[in-house]
Amino acid sequence: MNKIINTSNAPAPIGPYSQAVIANGFLFLSGQVAINPENGQVIQTSIAEETHQVMRNIKAVLLEAEYGFEDIVKTTIFLSDMALFAEVNDIYGAYFESIFPARETVAVKGLPKGVNVEISVTAYKS
């Protein structure tokens, strides 16, 4: 049976989806963008702060599900422009200890709310 994960410490979904779903030990976390869950405002002061907010949102959902960054096995990073890759990559990498998940990074034409970065996550616990 699937378990739906929702926390007020991450932005509420902006469509018909859940923040995350646990199925057979896998945690499928919906793409997170830089929305401050306290006030619902989009953070776009810099790509660095935008990326940190995305990672904080991911952390909040992971914690609610009782998972951690060490449990992440796969991520997808969506960028508005590949010119942002290096800065996003450095910040993203700092949230992991020594084992990094599988990942792809793609540039897309547009992202929700006009943000520059969205990250989705799959984690696993046996």
PDB file of N, CA and C in Angstrom:
ATOM      1  N   MET A   1       0.839  -1.190   0.000  1.00  0.00           N
ATOM      2  CA  MET A   1       0.000   0.000   0.000  1.00  0.00           C
ATOM      3  C   MET A   1       0.883   1.252   0.000  1.00  0.00           C
ATOM      4  N   ASN A   2       0.501   2.239  -0.769  1.00  0.00           N
ATOM      5  CA  ASN A   2       1.240   3.491  -0.842  1.00  0.00           C
ATOM      6  C   ASN A   2       0.902   4.391   0.337  1.00  0.00           C
ATOM      7  N   LYS A   3       1.892   5.166   0.758  1.00  0.00           N
ATOM      8  CA  LYS A   3       1.696   6.131   1.837  1.00  0.00           C
ATOM      9  C   LYS A   3       1.987   7.526   1.284  1.00  0.00           C
ATOM     10  N   ILE A   4       1.036   8.429   1.433  1.00  0.00           N
ATOM     11  CA  ILE A   4       1.189   9.807   0.970  1.00  0.00           C
ATOM     12  C   ILE A   4       1.913  10.613   2.047  1.00  0.00           C
ATOM     13  N   ILE A   5       2.892  11.405   1.624  1.00  0.00           N
ATOM     14  CA  ILE A   5       3.661  12.258   2.533  1.00  0.00           C
ATOM     15  C   ILE A   5       3.337  13.717   2.238  1.00  0.00           C
ATOM     16  N   ASN A   6       2.984  14.444   3.274  1.00  0.00           N
ATOM     17  CA  ASN A   6       2.757  15.886   3.171  1.00  0.00           C
ATOM     18  C   ASN A   6       3.268  16.544   4.444  1.00  0.00           C
ATOM     19  N   THR A   7       3.888  17.689   4.301  1.00  0.00           N
ATOM     20  CA  THR A   7       4.360  18.460   5.445  1.00  0.00           C
ATOM     21  C   THR A   7       4.157  19.943   5.182  1.00  0.00           C
ATOM     22  N   SER A   8       3.846  20.675   6.218  1.00  0.00           N
ATOM     23  CA  SER A   8       3.721  22.130   6.097  1.00  0.00           C
ATOM     24  C   SER A   8       5.092  22.801   6.052  1.00  0.00           C
ATOM     25  N   ASN A   9       6.163  22.018   6.250  1.00  0.00           N
ATOM     26  CA  ASN A   9       7.522  22.563   6.203  1.00  0.00           C
ATOM     27  C   ASN A   9       8.080  22.637   4.785  1.00  0.00           C
ATOM     28  N   ALA A  10       7.271  22.242   3.809  1.00  0.00           N
ATOM     29  CA  ALA A  10       7.619  22.368   2.396  1.00  0.00           C
ATOM     30  C   ALA A  10       6.398  22.969   1.698  1.00  0.00           C
ATOM     31  N   PRO A  11       6.592  23.543   0.521  1.00  0.00           N
ATOM     32  CA  PRO A  11       5.456  24.167  -0.162  1.00  0.00           C
ATOM     33  C   PRO A  11       4.339  23.167  -0.455  1.00  0.00           C
ATOM     34  N   ALA A  12       3.112  23.622  -0.313  1.00  0.00           N
ATOM     35  CA  ALA A  12       1.961  22.803  -0.682  1.00  0.00           C
ATOM     36  C   ALA A  12       1.978  22.592  -2.197  1.00  0.00           C
ATOM     37  N   PRO A  13       1.507  21.452  -2.656  1.00  0.00           N
ATOM     38  CA  PRO A  13       1.439  21.218  -4.103  1.00  0.00           C
ATOM     39  C   PRO A  13       0.629  22.306  -4.798  1.00  0.00           C
ATOM     40  N   ILE A  14       1.046  22.668  -5.997  1.00  0.00           N
ATOM     41  CA  ILE A  14       0.338  23.695  -6.763  1.00  0.00           C
ATOM     42  C   ILE A  14      -0.503  23.051  -7.869  1.00  0.00           C
ATOM     43  N   GLY A  15      -0.776  21.766  -7.711  1.00  0.00           N
ATOM     44  CA  GLY A  15      -1.588  21.034  -8.674  1.00  0.00           C
ATOM     45  C   GLY A  15      -2.083  19.744  -8.045  1.00  0.00           C
ATOM     46  N   PRO A  16      -2.667  18.868  -8.851  1.00  0.00           N
ATOM     47  CA  PRO A  16      -3.208  17.615  -8.335  1.00  0.00           C
ATOM     48  C   PRO A  16      -2.139  16.535  -8.162  1.00  0.00           C
ATOM     49  N   TYR A  17      -1.300  16.714  -7.168  1.00  0.00           N
ATOM     50  CA  TYR A  17      -0.250  15.745  -6.852  1.00  0.00           C
ATOM     51  C   TYR A  17       0.106  15.847  -5.382  1.00  0.00           C
ATOM     52  N   SER A  18       0.836  14.864  -4.881  1.00  0.00           N
ATOM     53  CA  SER A  18       1.294  14.847  -3.491  1.00  0.00           C
ATOM     54  C   SER A  18       2.737  15.305  -3.429  1.00  0.00           C
ATOM     55  N   GLN A  19       3.162  15.795  -2.262  1.00  0.00           N
ATOM     56  CA  GLN A  19       4.573  16.158  -2.096  1.00  0.00           C
ATOM     57  C   GLN A  19       5.450  14.944  -2.312  1.00  0.00           C
ATOM     58  N   ALA A  20       5.012  13.781  -1.801  1.00  0.00           N
ATOM     59  CA  ALA A  20       5.781  12.550  -1.978  1.00  0.00           C
ATOM     60  C   ALA A  20       4.874  11.348  -1.729  1.00  0.00           C
ATOM     61  N   VAL A  21       5.328  10.214  -2.248  1.00  0.00           N
ATOM     62  CA  VAL A  21       4.623   8.949  -2.049  1.00  0.00           C
ATOM     63  C   VAL A  21       5.665   7.883  -1.728  1.00  0.00           C
ATOM     64  N   ILE A  22       5.378   7.073  -0.699  1.00  0.00           N
ATOM     65  CA  ILE A  22       6.227   5.917  -0.388  1.00  0.00           C
ATOM     66  C   ILE A  22       5.543   4.676  -0.939  1.00  0.00           C
ATOM     67  N   ALA A  23       6.293   3.872  -1.700  1.00  0.00           N
ATOM     68  CA  ALA A  23       5.787   2.617  -2.252  1.00  0.00           C
ATOM     69  C   ALA A  23       6.900   1.582  -2.189  1.00  0.00           C
ATOM     70  N   ASN A  24       6.689   0.516  -1.417  1.00  0.00           N
ATOM     71  CA  ASN A  24       7.668  -0.584  -1.332  1.00  0.00           C
ATOM     72  C   ASN A  24       9.074  -0.111  -0.984  1.00  0.00           C
ATOM     73  N   GLY A  25       9.183   0.808  -0.053  1.00  0.00           N
ATOM     74  CA  GLY A  25      10.486   1.296   0.389  1.00  0.00           C
ATOM     75  C   GLY A  25      11.038   2.446  -0.432  1.00  0.00           C
ATOM     76  N   PHE A  26      10.433   2.722  -1.577  1.00  0.00           N
ATOM     77  CA  PHE A  26      10.856   3.845  -2.412  1.00  0.00           C
ATOM     78  C   PHE A  26      10.063   5.083  -2.041  1.00  0.00           C
ATOM     79  N   LEU A  27      10.747   6.206  -1.961  1.00  0.00           N
ATOM     80  CA  LEU A  27      10.114   7.500  -1.743  1.00  0.00           C
ATOM     81  C   LEU A  27      10.247   8.284  -3.042  1.00  0.00           C
ATOM     82  N   PHE A  28       9.117   8.608  -3.633  1.00  0.00           N
ATOM     83  CA  PHE A  28       9.089   9.394  -4.861  1.00  0.00           C
ATOM     84  C   PHE A  28       8.663  10.804  -4.485  1.00  0.00           C
ATOM     85  N   LEU A  29       9.614  11.727  -4.557  1.00  0.00           N
ATOM     86  CA  LEU A  29       9.369  13.104  -4.136  1.00  0.00           C
ATOM     87  C   LEU A  29       9.116  13.964  -5.365  1.00  0.00           C
ATOM     88  N   SER A  30       7.973  14.630  -5.393  1.00  0.00           N
ATOM     89  CA  SER A  30       7.640  15.503  -6.516  1.00  0.00           C
ATOM     90  C   SER A  30       8.677  16.612  -6.645  1.00  0.00           C
ATOM     91  N   GLY A  31       8.790  17.146  -7.847  1.00  0.00           N
ATOM     92  CA  GLY A  31       9.740  18.218  -8.091  1.00  0.00           C
ATOM     93  C   GLY A  31       9.516  19.387  -7.148  1.00  0.00           C
ATOM     94  N   GLN A  32      10.596  19.875  -6.584  1.00  0.00           N
ATOM     95  CA  GLN A  32      10.541  21.009  -5.664  1.00  0.00           C
ATOM     96  C   GLN A  32      11.126  22.239  -6.337  1.00  0.00           C
ATOM     97  N   VAL A  33      10.441  23.355  -6.145  1.00  0.00           N
ATOM     98  CA  VAL A  33      10.925  24.642  -6.644  1.00  0.00           C
ATOM     99  C   VAL A  33      11.157  25.554  -5.445  1.00  0.00           C
ATOM    100  N   ALA A  34      11.671  26.735  -5.696  1.00  0.00           N
ATOM    101  CA  ALA A  34      12.075  27.642  -4.617  1.00  0.00           C
ATOM    102  C   ALA A  34      10.905  28.461  -4.088  1.00  0.00           C
ATOM    103  N   ILE A  35       9.969  27.771  -3.468  1.00  0.00           N
ATOM    104  CA  ILE A  35       8.862  28.448  -2.794  1.00  0.00           C
ATOM    105  C   ILE A  35       9.114  28.346  -1.292  1.00  0.00           C
ATOM    106  N   ASN A  36       9.064  29.483  -0.619  1.00  0.00           N
ATOM    107  CA  ASN A  36       9.208  29.507   0.833  1.00  0.00           C
ATOM    108  C   ASN A  36       7.899  28.999   1.433  1.00  0.00           C
ATOM    109  N   PRO A  37       7.934  27.877   2.166  1.00  0.00           N
ATOM    110  CA  PRO A  37       6.689  27.319   2.694  1.00  0.00           C
ATOM    111  C   PRO A  37       6.038  28.179   3.772  1.00  0.00           C
ATOM    112  N   GLU A  38       6.779  29.090   4.379  1.00  0.00           N
ATOM    113  CA  GLU A  38       6.221  29.939   5.434  1.00  0.00           C
ATOM    114  C   GLU A  38       5.281  31.009   4.888  1.00  0.00           C
ATOM    115  N   ASN A  39       5.593  31.517   3.689  1.00  0.00           N
ATOM    116  CA  ASN A  39       4.766  32.602   3.155  1.00  0.00           C
ATOM    117  C   ASN A  39       4.279  32.358   1.727  1.00  0.00           C
ATOM    118  N   GLY A  40       4.681  31.241   1.122  1.00  0.00           N
ATOM    119  CA  GLY A  40       4.244  30.923  -0.233  1.00  0.00           C
ATOM    120  C   GLY A  40       4.908  31.737  -1.325  1.00  0.00           C
ATOM    121  N   GLN A  41       5.906  32.537  -0.964  1.00  0.00           N
ATOM    122  CA  GLN A  41       6.582  33.384  -1.944  1.00  0.00           C
ATOM    123  C   GLN A  41       7.675  32.620  -2.679  1.00  0.00           C
ATOM    124  N   VAL A  42       7.810  32.918  -3.968  1.00  0.00           N
ATOM    125  CA  VAL A  42       8.873  32.335  -4.777  1.00  0.00           C
ATOM    126  C   VAL A  42      10.162  33.086  -4.483  1.00  0.00           C
ATOM    127  N   ILE A  43      11.243  32.345  -4.236  1.00  0.00           N
ATOM    128  CA  ILE A  43      12.562  32.925  -3.988  1.00  0.00           C
ATOM    129  C   ILE A  43      13.302  33.017  -5.316  1.00  0.00           C
ATOM    130  N   GLN A  44      13.628  34.221  -5.755  1.00  0.00           N
ATOM    131  CA  GLN A  44      14.375  34.390  -6.994  1.00  0.00           C
ATOM    132  C   GLN A  44      15.417  35.498  -6.873  1.00  0.00           C
ATOM    133  N   THR A  45      15.946  35.687  -5.669  1.00  0.00           N
ATOM    134  CA  THR A  45      16.941  36.731  -5.474  1.00  0.00           C
ATOM    135  C   THR A  45      18.258  36.381  -6.159  1.00  0.00           C
ATOM    136  N   SER A  46      18.599  35.094  -6.188  1.00  0.00           N
ATOM    137  CA  SER A  46      19.796  34.625  -6.890  1.00  0.00           C
ATOM    138  C   SER A  46      19.636  33.140  -7.137  1.00  0.00           C
ATOM    139  N   ILE A  47      20.377  32.607  -8.081  1.00  0.00           N
ATOM    140  CA  ILE A  47      20.295  31.164  -8.340  1.00  0.00           C
ATOM    141  C   ILE A  47      20.806  30.388  -7.129  1.00  0.00           C
ATOM    142  N   ALA A  48      21.738  30.950  -6.385  1.00  0.00           N
ATOM    143  CA  ALA A  48      22.245  30.277  -5.186  1.00  0.00           C
ATOM    144  C   ALA A  48      21.139  30.141  -4.149  1.00  0.00           C
ATOM    145  N   GLU A  49      20.444  31.230  -3.834  1.00  0.00           N
ATOM    146  CA  GLU A  49      19.373  31.170  -2.835  1.00  0.00           C
ATOM    147  C   GLU A  49      18.210  30.328  -3.341  1.00  0.00           C
ATOM    148  N   GLU A  50      17.933  30.402  -4.619  1.00  0.00           N
ATOM    149  CA  GLU A  50      16.870  29.582  -5.199  1.00  0.00           C
ATOM    150  C   GLU A  50      17.190  28.091  -5.012  1.00  0.00           C
ATOM    151  N   THR A  51      18.429  27.715  -5.296  1.00  0.00           N
ATOM    152  CA  THR A  51      18.843  26.313  -5.166  1.00  0.00           C
ATOM    153  C   THR A  51      18.814  25.870  -3.708  1.00  0.00           C
ATOM    154  N   HIS A  52      19.302  26.704  -2.806  1.00  0.00           N
ATOM    155  CA  HIS A  52      19.257  26.356  -1.378  1.00  0.00           C
ATOM    156  C   HIS A  52      17.815  26.146  -0.909  1.00  0.00           C
ATOM    157  N   GLN A  53      16.878  26.988  -1.380  1.00  0.00           N
ATOM    158  CA  GLN A  53      15.478  26.822  -0.972  1.00  0.00           C
ATOM    159  C   GLN A  53      14.916  25.501  -1.496  1.00  0.00           C
ATOM    160  N   VAL A  54      15.248  25.161  -2.725  1.00  0.00           N
ATOM    161  CA  VAL A  54      14.819  23.874  -3.284  1.00  0.00           C
ATOM    162  C   VAL A  54      15.343  22.730  -2.414  1.00  0.00           C
ATOM    163  N   MET A  55      16.609  22.785  -2.046  1.00  0.00           N
ATOM    164  CA  MET A  55      17.204  21.716  -1.243  1.00  0.00           C
ATOM    165  C   MET A  55      16.608  21.686   0.170  1.00  0.00           C
ATOM    166  N   ARG A  56      16.288  22.843   0.739  1.00  0.00           N
ATOM    167  CA  ARG A  56      15.620  22.875   2.049  1.00  0.00           C
ATOM    168  C   ARG A  56      14.227  22.244   1.957  1.00  0.00           C
ATOM    169  N   ASN A  57      13.532  22.500   0.855  1.00  0.00           N
ATOM    170  CA  ASN A  57      12.212  21.911   0.661  1.00  0.00           C
ATOM    171  C   ASN A  57      12.313  20.389   0.531  1.00  0.00           C
ATOM    172  N   ILE A  58      13.309  19.925  -0.205  1.00  0.00           N
ATOM    173  CA  ILE A  58      13.533  18.484  -0.336  1.00  0.00           C
ATOM    174  C   ILE A  58      13.812  17.886   1.032  1.00  0.00           C
ATOM    175  N   LYS A  59      14.687  18.538   1.802  1.00  0.00           N
ATOM    176  CA  LYS A  59      15.028  18.040   3.130  1.00  0.00           C
ATOM    177  C   LYS A  59      13.784  17.927   4.013  1.00  0.00           C
ATOM    178  N   ALA A  60      12.905  18.910   3.959  1.00  0.00           N
ATOM    179  CA  ALA A  60      11.702  18.905   4.791  1.00  0.00           C
ATOM    180  C   ALA A  60      10.810  17.708   4.461  1.00  0.00           C
ATOM    181  N   VAL A  61      10.652  17.404   3.191  1.00  0.00           N
ATOM    182  CA  VAL A  61       9.817  16.263   2.809  1.00  0.00           C
ATOM    183  C   VAL A  61      10.510  14.952   3.180  1.00  0.00           C
ATOM    184  N   LEU A  62      11.826  14.882   2.955  1.00  0.00           N
ATOM    185  CA  LEU A  62      12.573  13.689   3.365  1.00  0.00           C
ATOM    186  C   LEU A  62      12.397  13.428   4.855  1.00  0.00           C
ATOM    187  N   LEU A  63      12.551  14.454   5.673  1.00  0.00           N
ATOM    188  CA  LEU A  63      12.425  14.301   7.127  1.00  0.00           C
ATOM    189  C   LEU A  63      11.021  13.853   7.534  1.00  0.00           C
ATOM    190  N   GLU A  64      10.019  14.416   6.891  1.00  0.00           N
ATOM    191  CA  GLU A  64       8.633  14.021   7.201  1.00  0.00           C
ATOM    192  C   GLU A  64       8.420  12.537   6.912  1.00  0.00           C
ATOM    193  N   ALA A  65       9.086  12.042   5.875  1.00  0.00           N
ATOM    194  CA  ALA A  65       8.959  10.630   5.491  1.00  0.00           C
ATOM    195  C   ALA A  65       9.937   9.735   6.254  1.00  0.00           C
ATOM    196  N   GLU A  66      10.776  10.336   7.101  1.00  0.00           N
ATOM    197  CA  GLU A  66      11.820   9.633   7.854  1.00  0.00           C
ATOM    198  C   GLU A  66      12.895   9.036   6.940  1.00  0.00           C
ATOM    199  N   TYR A  67      13.254   9.807   5.918  1.00  0.00           N
ATOM    200  CA  TYR A  67      14.358   9.500   5.009  1.00  0.00           C
ATOM    201  C   TYR A  67      15.375  10.625   5.149  1.00  0.00           C
ATOM    202  N   GLY A  68      16.544  10.438   4.549  1.00  0.00           N
ATOM    203  CA  GLY A  68      17.573  11.466   4.555  1.00  0.00           C
ATOM    204  C   GLY A  68      18.248  11.541   3.197  1.00  0.00           C
ATOM    205  N   PHE A  69      19.133  12.502   3.040  1.00  0.00           N
ATOM    206  CA  PHE A  69      19.862  12.646   1.776  1.00  0.00           C
ATOM    207  C   PHE A  69      20.657  11.386   1.449  1.00  0.00           C
ATOM    208  N   GLU A  70      21.088  10.658   2.488  1.00  0.00           N
ATOM    209  CA  GLU A  70      21.847   9.421   2.270  1.00  0.00           C
ATOM    210  C   GLU A  70      20.989   8.321   1.646  1.00  0.00           C
ATOM    211  N   ASP A  71      19.670   8.478   1.673  1.00  0.00           N
ATOM    212  CA  ASP A  71      18.762   7.478   1.103  1.00  0.00           C
ATOM    213  C   ASP A  71      18.397   7.776  -0.356  1.00  0.00           C
ATOM    214  N   ILE A  72      18.802   8.928  -0.854  1.00  0.00           N
ATOM    215  CA  ILE A  72      18.457   9.302  -2.235  1.00  0.00           C
ATOM    216  C   ILE A  72      19.262   8.452  -3.210  1.00  0.00           C
ATOM    217  N   VAL A  73      18.543   7.852  -4.167  1.00  0.00           N
ATOM    218  CA  VAL A  73      19.206   7.016  -5.170  1.00  0.00           C
ATOM    219  C   VAL A  73      19.193   7.650  -6.558  1.00  0.00           C
ATOM    220  N   LYS A  74      18.290   8.619  -6.786  1.00  0.00           N
ATOM    221  CA  LYS A  74      18.180   9.220  -8.122  1.00  0.00           C
ATOM    222  C   LYS A  74      17.591  10.606  -8.009  1.00  0.00           C
ATOM    223  N   THR A  75      18.140  11.550  -8.748  1.00  0.00           N
ATOM    224  CA  THR A  75      17.575  12.897  -8.819  1.00  0.00           C
ATOM    225  C   THR A  75      17.495  13.337 -10.274  1.00  0.00           C
ATOM    226  N   THR A  76      16.616  14.276 -10.508  1.00  0.00           N
ATOM    227  CA  THR A  76      16.547  14.952 -11.803  1.00  0.00           C
ATOM    228  C   THR A  76      16.538  16.445 -11.518  1.00  0.00           C
ATOM    229  N   ILE A  77      17.438  17.151 -12.175  1.00  0.00           N
ATOM    230  CA  ILE A  77      17.501  18.612 -12.037  1.00  0.00           C
ATOM    231  C   ILE A  77      17.048  19.227 -13.357  1.00  0.00           C
ATOM    232  N   PHE A  78      16.083  20.116 -13.256  1.00  0.00           N
ATOM    233  CA  PHE A  78      15.595  20.859 -14.414  1.00  0.00           C
ATOM    234  C   PHE A  78      16.062  22.301 -14.260  1.00  0.00           C
ATOM    235  N   LEU A  79      16.697  22.834 -15.280  1.00  0.00           N
ATOM    236  CA  LEU A  79      17.204  24.204 -15.261  1.00  0.00           C
ATOM    237  C   LEU A  79      16.576  25.023 -16.380  1.00  0.00           C
ATOM    238  N   SER A  80      16.379  26.297 -16.130  1.00  0.00           N
ATOM    239  CA  SER A  80      15.876  27.191 -17.169  1.00  0.00           C
ATOM    240  C   SER A  80      16.958  27.511 -18.196  1.00  0.00           C
ATOM    241  N   ASP A  81      18.225  27.314 -17.804  1.00  0.00           N
ATOM    242  CA  ASP A  81      19.359  27.635 -18.675  1.00  0.00           C
ATOM    243  C   ASP A  81      20.571  26.832 -18.196  1.00  0.00           C
ATOM    244  N   MET A  82      21.235  26.138 -19.082  1.00  0.00           N
ATOM    245  CA  MET A  82      22.409  25.344 -18.710  1.00  0.00           C
ATOM    246  C   MET A  82      23.562  26.211 -18.211  1.00  0.00           C
ATOM    247  N   ALA A  83      23.509  27.504 -18.448  1.00  0.00           N
ATOM    248  CA  ALA A  83      24.537  28.399 -17.915  1.00  0.00           C
ATOM    249  C   ALA A  83      24.506  28.421 -16.387  1.00  0.00           C
ATOM    250  N   LEU A  84      23.421  27.971 -15.786  1.00  0.00           N
ATOM    251  CA  LEU A  84      23.275  27.922 -14.324  1.00  0.00           C
ATOM    252  C   LEU A  84      23.854  26.642 -13.727  1.00  0.00           C
ATOM    253  N   PHE A  85      24.259  25.708 -14.575  1.00  0.00           N
ATOM    254  CA  PHE A  85      24.652  24.374 -14.124  1.00  0.00           C
ATOM    255  C   PHE A  85      25.732  24.384 -13.041  1.00  0.00           C
ATOM    256  N   ALA A  86      26.818  25.077 -13.249  1.00  0.00           N
ATOM    257  CA  ALA A  86      27.954  25.016 -12.317  1.00  0.00           C
ATOM    258  C   ALA A  86      27.554  25.461 -10.909  1.00  0.00           C
ATOM    259  N   GLU A  87      26.845  26.573 -10.800  1.00  0.00           N
ATOM    260  CA  GLU A  87      26.473  27.079  -9.479  1.00  0.00           C
ATOM    261  C   GLU A  87      25.461  26.161  -8.801  1.00  0.00           C
ATOM    262  N   VAL A  88      24.461  25.699  -9.539  1.00  0.00           N
ATOM    263  CA  VAL A  88      23.481  24.768  -8.984  1.00  0.00           C
ATOM    264  C   VAL A  88      24.170  23.473  -8.562  1.00  0.00           C
ATOM    265  N   ASN A  89      25.060  22.965  -9.395  1.00  0.00           N
ATOM    266  CA  ASN A  89      25.769  21.719  -9.123  1.00  0.00           C
ATOM    267  C   ASN A  89      26.584  21.800  -7.834  1.00  0.00           C
ATOM    268  N   ASP A  90      27.270  22.907  -7.617  1.00  0.00           N
ATOM    269  CA  ASP A  90      28.075  23.080  -6.400  1.00  0.00           C
ATOM    270  C   ASP A  90      27.201  23.067  -5.146  1.00  0.00           C
ATOM    271  N   ILE A  91      26.092  23.779  -5.194  1.00  0.00           N
ATOM    272  CA  ILE A  91      25.200  23.852  -4.035  1.00  0.00           C
ATOM    273  C   ILE A  91      24.535  22.499  -3.804  1.00  0.00           C
ATOM    274  N   TYR A  92      24.025  21.901  -4.842  1.00  0.00           N
ATOM    275  CA  TYR A  92      23.393  20.574  -4.760  1.00  0.00           C
ATOM    276  C   TYR A  92      24.361  19.575  -4.133  1.00  0.00           C
ATOM    277  N   GLY A  93      25.582  19.530  -4.617  1.00  0.00           N
ATOM    278  CA  GLY A  93      26.577  18.569  -4.140  1.00  0.00           C
ATOM    279  C   GLY A  93      26.899  18.716  -2.664  1.00  0.00           C
ATOM    280  N   ALA A  94      26.791  19.924  -2.133  1.00  0.00           N
ATOM    281  CA  ALA A  94      27.111  20.171  -0.726  1.00  0.00           C
ATOM    282  C   ALA A  94      26.108  19.537   0.231  1.00  0.00           C
ATOM    283  N   TYR A  95      24.952  19.128  -0.256  1.00  0.00           N
ATOM    284  CA  TYR A  95      23.936  18.509   0.599  1.00  0.00           C
ATOM    285  C   TYR A  95      24.145  17.008   0.772  1.00  0.00           C
ATOM    286  N   PHE A  96      25.126  16.447   0.085  1.00  0.00           N
ATOM    287  CA  PHE A  96      25.408  15.015   0.172  1.00  0.00           C
ATOM    288  C   PHE A  96      26.758  14.807   0.835  1.00  0.00           C
ATOM    289  N   GLU A  97      26.888  13.709   1.560  1.00  0.00           N
ATOM    290  CA  GLU A  97      28.144  13.399   2.262  1.00  0.00           C
ATOM    291  C   GLU A  97      29.209  12.907   1.282  1.00  0.00           C
ATOM    292  N   SER A  98      29.189  11.624   0.968  1.00  0.00           N
ATOM    293  CA  SER A  98      30.239  11.091   0.102  1.00  0.00           C
ATOM    294  C   SER A  98      29.692  10.240  -1.031  1.00  0.00           C
ATOM    295  N   ILE A  99      28.493   9.706  -0.864  1.00  0.00           N
ATOM    296  CA  ILE A  99      27.895   8.892  -1.918  1.00  0.00           C
ATOM    297  C   ILE A  99      26.825   9.718  -2.601  1.00  0.00           C
ATOM    298  N   PHE A 100      26.999   9.913  -3.891  1.00  0.00           N
ATOM    299  CA  PHE A 100      26.065  10.730  -4.655  1.00  0.00           C
ATOM    300  C   PHE A 100      25.084   9.843  -5.408  1.00  0.00           C
ATOM    301  N   PRO A 101      23.836  10.294  -5.530  1.00  0.00           N
ATOM    302  CA  PRO A 101      22.852   9.505  -6.274  1.00  0.00           C
ATOM    303  C   PRO A 101      23.089   9.606  -7.783  1.00  0.00           C
ATOM    304  N   ALA A 102      22.439   8.716  -8.528  1.00  0.00           N
ATOM    305  CA  ALA A 102      22.402   8.849  -9.980  1.00  0.00           C
ATOM    306  C   ALA A 102      21.624  10.135 -10.288  1.00  0.00           C
ATOM    307  N   ARG A 103      21.908  10.742 -11.447  1.00  0.00           N
ATOM    308  CA  ARG A 103      21.273  12.024 -11.732  1.00  0.00           C
ATOM    309  C   ARG A 103      21.338  12.349 -13.214  1.00  0.00           C
ATOM    310  N   GLU A 104      20.354  13.117 -13.655  1.00  0.00           N
ATOM    311  CA  GLU A 104      20.465  13.803 -14.933  1.00  0.00           C
ATOM    312  C   GLU A 104      20.081  15.255 -14.714  1.00  0.00           C
ATOM    313  N   THR A 105      20.623  16.107 -15.547  1.00  0.00           N
ATOM    314  CA  THR A 105      20.310  17.530 -15.496  1.00  0.00           C
ATOM    315  C   THR A 105      19.932  17.951 -16.901  1.00  0.00           C
ATOM    316  N   VAL A 106      18.786  18.596 -17.029  1.00  0.00           N
ATOM    317  CA  VAL A 106      18.315  19.014 -18.345  1.00  0.00           C
ATOM    318  C   VAL A 106      17.877  20.472 -18.303  1.00  0.00           C
ATOM    319  N   ALA A 107      18.056  21.137 -19.416  1.00  0.00           N
ATOM    320  CA  ALA A 107      17.539  22.493 -19.571  1.00  0.00           C
ATOM    321  C   ALA A 107      16.166  22.380 -20.231  1.00  0.00           C
ATOM    322  N   VAL A 108      15.235  23.160 -19.734  1.00  0.00           N
ATOM    323  CA  VAL A 108      13.866  23.112 -20.245  1.00  0.00           C
ATOM    324  C   VAL A 108      13.415  24.518 -20.645  1.00  0.00           C
ATOM    325  N   LYS A 109      12.376  24.571 -21.421  1.00  0.00           N
ATOM    326  CA  LYS A 109      11.887  25.854 -21.912  1.00  0.00           C
ATOM    327  C   LYS A 109      11.283  26.706 -20.803  1.00  0.00           C
ATOM    328  N   GLY A 110      10.614  26.075 -19.850  1.00  0.00           N
ATOM    329  CA  GLY A 110       9.990  26.832 -18.765  1.00  0.00           C
ATOM    330  C   GLY A 110       9.711  25.939 -17.571  1.00  0.00           C
ATOM    331  N   LEU A 111       9.645  26.541 -16.404  1.00  0.00           N
ATOM    332  CA  LEU A 111       9.358  25.827 -15.156  1.00  0.00           C
ATOM    333  C   LEU A 111       8.227  26.539 -14.425  1.00  0.00           C
ATOM    334  N   PRO A 112       7.538  25.842 -13.516  1.00  0.00           N
ATOM    335  CA  PRO A 112       6.426  26.467 -12.792  1.00  0.00           C
ATOM    336  C   PRO A 112       6.842  27.750 -12.074  1.00  0.00           C
ATOM    337  N   LYS A 113       5.937  28.713 -12.077  1.00  0.00           N
ATOM    338  CA  LYS A 113       6.134  29.988 -11.369  1.00  0.00           C
ATOM    339  C   LYS A 113       7.329  30.785 -11.891  1.00  0.00           C
ATOM    340  N   GLY A 114       7.856  30.416 -13.067  1.00  0.00           N
ATOM    341  CA  GLY A 114       8.980  31.147 -13.650  1.00  0.00           C
ATOM    342  C   GLY A 114      10.303  30.929 -12.949  1.00  0.00           C
ATOM    343  N   VAL A 115      10.424  29.844 -12.170  1.00  0.00           N
ATOM    344  CA  VAL A 115      11.667  29.578 -11.443  1.00  0.00           C
ATOM    345  C   VAL A 115      12.763  29.115 -12.399  1.00  0.00           C
ATOM    346  N   ASN A 116      13.975  29.056 -11.878  1.00  0.00           N
ATOM    347  CA  ASN A 116      15.131  28.659 -12.686  1.00  0.00           C
ATOM    348  C   ASN A 116      15.603  27.241 -12.433  1.00  0.00           C
ATOM    349  N   VAL A 117      15.146  26.636 -11.322  1.00  0.00           N
ATOM    350  CA  VAL A 117      15.584  25.280 -10.987  1.00  0.00           C
ATOM    351  C   VAL A 117      14.444  24.517 -10.303  1.00  0.00           C
ATOM    352  N   GLU A 118      14.298  23.256 -10.691  1.00  0.00           N
ATOM    353  CA  GLU A 118      13.371  22.326 -10.052  1.00  0.00           C
ATOM    354  C   GLU A 118      14.111  21.003  -9.914  1.00  0.00           C
ATOM    355  N   ILE A 119      13.967  20.355  -8.762  1.00  0.00           N
ATOM    356  CA  ILE A 119      14.649  19.085  -8.527  1.00  0.00           C
ATOM    357  C   ILE A 119      13.638  18.067  -8.002  1.00  0.00           C
ATOM    358  N   SER A 120      13.631  16.888  -8.641  1.00  0.00           N
ATOM    359  CA  SER A 120      12.819  15.780  -8.144  1.00  0.00           C
ATOM    360  C   SER A 120      13.767  14.685  -7.636  1.00  0.00           C
ATOM    361  N   VAL A 121      13.250  13.855  -6.720  1.00  0.00           N
ATOM    362  CA  VAL A 121      14.086  12.914  -5.993  1.00  0.00           C
ATOM    363  C   VAL A 121      13.395  11.563  -5.869  1.00  0.00           C
ATOM    364  N   THR A 122      14.179  10.494  -5.967  1.00  0.00           N
ATOM    365  CA  THR A 122      13.719   9.160  -5.590  1.00  0.00           C
ATOM    366  C   THR A 122      14.694   8.649  -4.530  1.00  0.00           C
ATOM    367  N   ALA A 123      14.148   8.196  -3.407  1.00  0.00           N
ATOM    368  CA  ALA A 123      14.962   7.657  -2.321  1.00  0.00           C
ATOM    369  C   ALA A 123      14.505   6.230  -2.033  1.00  0.00           C
ATOM    370  N   TYR A 124      15.346   5.479  -1.337  1.00  0.00           N
ATOM    371  CA  TYR A 124      15.016   4.083  -1.023  1.00  0.00           C
ATOM    372  C   TYR A 124      15.527   3.698   0.341  1.00  0.00           C
ATOM    373  N   LYS A 125      14.680   2.971   1.076  1.00  0.00           N
ATOM    374  CA  LYS A 125      15.056   2.348   2.343  1.00  0.00           C
ATOM    375  C   LYS A 125      14.507   0.927   2.318  1.00  0.00           C
ATOM    376  N   SER A 126      15.356  -0.033   2.674  1.00  0.00           N
ATOM    377  CA  SER A 126      14.865  -1.423   2.693  1.00  0.00           C
ATOM    378  C   SER A 126      14.153  -1.748   3.986  1.00  0.00           C
TER     379      SER A 126
END
